[in-house]
N, C-alpha and C. Protein backbone atom coordinates (compact mmCIF):
# COMPACT_ATOMS: atom_id res chain seq x y z
N MET A 1 13.06 -10.42 -3.44
CA MET A 1 11.88 -10.03 -2.69
C MET A 1 11.90 -8.51 -2.48
N VAL A 2 10.72 -7.95 -2.37
CA VAL A 2 10.56 -6.54 -2.03
C VAL A 2 9.66 -6.46 -0.80
N LYS A 3 9.71 -5.33 -0.14
CA LYS A 3 8.88 -5.11 1.04
C LYS A 3 7.78 -4.12 0.70
N ALA A 4 6.61 -4.31 1.30
CA ALA A 4 5.49 -3.40 1.10
C ALA A 4 4.73 -3.28 2.41
N LEU A 5 4.04 -2.16 2.58
CA LEU A 5 3.16 -2.00 3.73
C LEU A 5 1.76 -2.44 3.34
N GLN A 6 1.14 -3.23 4.20
CA GLN A 6 -0.19 -3.77 3.92
C GLN A 6 -1.05 -3.62 5.16
N TYR A 7 -2.35 -3.37 4.94
CA TYR A 7 -3.27 -3.46 6.07
C TYR A 7 -4.43 -4.36 5.71
N LYS A 8 -4.80 -5.21 6.68
CA LYS A 8 -5.87 -6.18 6.49
C LYS A 8 -7.11 -5.80 7.29
N THR A 9 -6.95 -4.87 8.23
CA THR A 9 -8.07 -4.36 9.02
C THR A 9 -7.99 -2.85 9.05
N PHE A 10 -9.11 -2.20 9.22
CA PHE A 10 -9.11 -0.75 9.34
C PHE A 10 -8.65 -0.38 10.74
N GLY A 11 -8.01 0.76 10.86
CA GLY A 11 -7.58 1.22 12.17
C GLY A 11 -6.47 2.23 12.07
N LYS A 12 -5.80 2.43 13.18
CA LYS A 12 -4.70 3.39 13.27
C LYS A 12 -3.47 2.82 12.58
N PRO A 13 -2.42 3.63 12.42
CA PRO A 13 -1.22 3.15 11.71
C PRO A 13 -0.60 1.88 12.27
N ASP A 14 -0.89 1.53 13.53
CA ASP A 14 -0.29 0.31 14.07
C ASP A 14 -0.85 -0.97 13.46
N VAL A 15 -1.89 -0.89 12.63
CA VAL A 15 -2.39 -2.09 11.94
C VAL A 15 -1.59 -2.39 10.67
N LEU A 16 -0.71 -1.49 10.28
CA LEU A 16 0.12 -1.72 9.09
C LEU A 16 1.08 -2.88 9.35
N GLN A 17 1.28 -3.69 8.34
CA GLN A 17 2.20 -4.82 8.43
C GLN A 17 3.22 -4.70 7.30
N LEU A 18 4.48 -4.93 7.62
CA LEU A 18 5.53 -4.97 6.60
C LEU A 18 5.57 -6.39 6.07
N VAL A 19 5.32 -6.56 4.76
CA VAL A 19 5.24 -7.89 4.16
C VAL A 19 6.25 -8.02 3.03
N ASP A 20 6.66 -9.25 2.77
CA ASP A 20 7.55 -9.57 1.65
C ASP A 20 6.72 -9.95 0.45
N LEU A 21 7.07 -9.41 -0.70
CA LEU A 21 6.41 -9.74 -1.96
C LEU A 21 7.44 -10.18 -2.98
N PRO A 22 7.06 -11.03 -3.90
CA PRO A 22 8.01 -11.40 -4.96
C PRO A 22 8.29 -10.19 -5.86
N LEU A 23 9.49 -10.10 -6.34
CA LEU A 23 9.86 -9.04 -7.27
C LEU A 23 9.18 -9.31 -8.61
N VAL A 24 8.43 -8.34 -9.07
CA VAL A 24 7.71 -8.47 -10.34
C VAL A 24 8.53 -7.80 -11.43
N HIS A 25 8.78 -8.52 -12.49
CA HIS A 25 9.54 -7.97 -13.61
C HIS A 25 8.59 -7.34 -14.62
N PRO A 26 8.95 -6.17 -15.13
CA PRO A 26 8.05 -5.48 -16.07
C PRO A 26 7.89 -6.25 -17.38
N LYS A 27 6.71 -6.09 -17.97
CA LYS A 27 6.45 -6.66 -19.29
C LYS A 27 7.12 -5.80 -20.35
N ALA A 28 7.03 -6.21 -21.58
CA ALA A 28 7.71 -5.51 -22.68
C ALA A 28 7.27 -4.05 -22.81
N ASP A 29 6.01 -3.76 -22.50
CA ASP A 29 5.50 -2.38 -22.64
C ASP A 29 5.42 -1.65 -21.30
N GLU A 30 6.14 -2.13 -20.27
CA GLU A 30 6.14 -1.53 -18.95
C GLU A 30 7.56 -1.16 -18.55
N VAL A 31 7.68 -0.36 -17.51
CA VAL A 31 9.00 0.00 -16.96
C VAL A 31 8.99 -0.25 -15.47
N SER A 32 10.16 -0.38 -14.90
CA SER A 32 10.34 -0.52 -13.47
C SER A 32 11.11 0.69 -12.98
N ILE A 33 10.66 1.30 -11.88
CA ILE A 33 11.37 2.46 -11.34
C ILE A 33 11.75 2.20 -9.89
N LYS A 34 12.83 2.81 -9.46
CA LYS A 34 13.26 2.71 -8.07
C LYS A 34 12.71 3.92 -7.32
N VAL A 35 12.03 3.67 -6.23
CA VAL A 35 11.42 4.74 -5.43
C VAL A 35 12.27 4.95 -4.19
N SER A 36 12.64 6.21 -3.96
CA SER A 36 13.45 6.48 -2.78
C SER A 36 12.65 7.12 -1.64
N HIS A 37 11.55 7.80 -1.96
CA HIS A 37 10.72 8.44 -0.94
C HIS A 37 9.25 8.32 -1.31
N VAL A 38 8.42 8.18 -0.32
CA VAL A 38 6.97 8.12 -0.54
C VAL A 38 6.27 8.94 0.52
N GLY A 39 5.00 9.18 0.32
CA GLY A 39 4.23 9.90 1.31
C GLY A 39 2.78 9.46 1.27
N LEU A 40 2.09 9.71 2.35
CA LEU A 40 0.66 9.43 2.44
C LEU A 40 -0.07 10.72 2.74
N ASN A 41 -1.19 10.90 2.10
CA ASN A 41 -2.01 12.07 2.33
C ASN A 41 -2.86 11.87 3.59
N PRO A 42 -3.28 12.96 4.22
CA PRO A 42 -4.20 12.82 5.36
C PRO A 42 -5.46 12.02 4.99
N MET A 43 -5.90 12.13 3.75
CA MET A 43 -7.08 11.39 3.32
C MET A 43 -6.83 9.88 3.34
N ASP A 44 -5.59 9.45 2.99
CA ASP A 44 -5.25 8.03 3.07
C ASP A 44 -5.44 7.52 4.49
N TRP A 45 -4.95 8.27 5.48
CA TRP A 45 -5.08 7.86 6.88
C TRP A 45 -6.54 7.87 7.31
N ALA A 46 -7.31 8.86 6.83
CA ALA A 46 -8.72 8.95 7.19
C ALA A 46 -9.49 7.75 6.66
N ILE A 47 -9.21 7.35 5.43
CA ILE A 47 -9.89 6.19 4.85
C ILE A 47 -9.48 4.91 5.58
N MET A 48 -8.18 4.79 5.89
CA MET A 48 -7.68 3.59 6.54
C MET A 48 -8.32 3.40 7.92
N GLY A 49 -8.66 4.48 8.58
CA GLY A 49 -9.21 4.38 9.92
C GLY A 49 -10.73 4.40 9.98
N ASN A 50 -11.39 4.44 8.84
CA ASN A 50 -12.84 4.60 8.84
C ASN A 50 -13.49 3.63 7.85
N PRO A 51 -13.86 2.43 8.30
CA PRO A 51 -14.43 1.44 7.37
C PRO A 51 -15.75 1.87 6.74
N GLU A 52 -16.45 2.81 7.34
CA GLU A 52 -17.72 3.26 6.75
C GLU A 52 -17.48 4.12 5.50
N VAL A 53 -16.35 4.81 5.46
CA VAL A 53 -16.03 5.72 4.35
C VAL A 53 -15.30 4.99 3.22
N ALA A 54 -14.53 3.98 3.56
CA ALA A 54 -13.65 3.31 2.59
C ALA A 54 -14.35 2.83 1.32
N PRO A 55 -15.55 2.22 1.38
CA PRO A 55 -16.19 1.76 0.14
C PRO A 55 -16.48 2.90 -0.84
N ASN A 56 -16.68 4.10 -0.33
CA ASN A 56 -16.93 5.25 -1.22
C ASN A 56 -15.72 5.56 -2.09
N PHE A 57 -14.55 5.08 -1.68
CA PHE A 57 -13.32 5.33 -2.42
C PHE A 57 -12.78 4.06 -3.06
N GLY A 58 -13.57 2.99 -3.07
CA GLY A 58 -13.17 1.75 -3.71
C GLY A 58 -12.15 0.94 -2.94
N VAL A 59 -11.98 1.21 -1.67
CA VAL A 59 -10.99 0.50 -0.86
C VAL A 59 -11.58 -0.82 -0.38
N LYS A 60 -10.87 -1.91 -0.68
CA LYS A 60 -11.24 -3.24 -0.21
C LYS A 60 -10.02 -3.84 0.47
N LEU A 61 -10.26 -4.62 1.50
CA LEU A 61 -9.14 -5.21 2.23
C LEU A 61 -8.91 -6.64 1.77
N PRO A 62 -7.69 -7.16 1.84
CA PRO A 62 -6.47 -6.46 2.26
C PRO A 62 -6.03 -5.44 1.21
N LYS A 63 -5.32 -4.43 1.65
CA LYS A 63 -4.89 -3.35 0.77
C LYS A 63 -3.39 -3.16 0.90
N LEU A 64 -2.72 -3.15 -0.23
CA LEU A 64 -1.30 -2.81 -0.25
C LEU A 64 -1.21 -1.31 -0.49
N LEU A 65 -0.48 -0.64 0.36
CA LEU A 65 -0.27 0.79 0.13
C LEU A 65 0.65 0.95 -1.08
N PRO A 66 0.44 1.99 -1.84
CA PRO A 66 1.20 2.13 -3.10
C PRO A 66 2.64 2.52 -2.88
N MET A 67 3.33 1.73 -2.09
CA MET A 67 4.75 1.97 -1.88
C MET A 67 5.43 0.64 -1.70
N ILE A 68 6.35 0.37 -2.54
CA ILE A 68 7.14 -0.85 -2.43
C ILE A 68 8.56 -0.43 -2.15
N LEU A 69 9.12 -0.95 -1.10
CA LEU A 69 10.46 -0.57 -0.67
C LEU A 69 11.46 -1.55 -1.26
N LEU A 70 12.26 -1.10 -2.17
CA LEU A 70 13.27 -1.98 -2.78
C LEU A 70 14.45 -2.12 -1.85
N GLU A 71 14.97 -3.32 -1.76
CA GLU A 71 16.14 -3.56 -0.93
C GLU A 71 17.38 -3.48 -1.77
């Protein structure tokens, strides 16, 4: 299993949920990388907190943030 941050509702950072996901194995033409650090841009937080703006950026809920924490 891997951990990921997910949000199902728009709002402040406290709406983020740490969820378990199955480990996905790469296909023959894909690679798997280990991530040690990630970051979010101010725009990510602005979109997450503003449901009126999110559709302009293609954001639909639930949304997994592009960071998977490997154990």
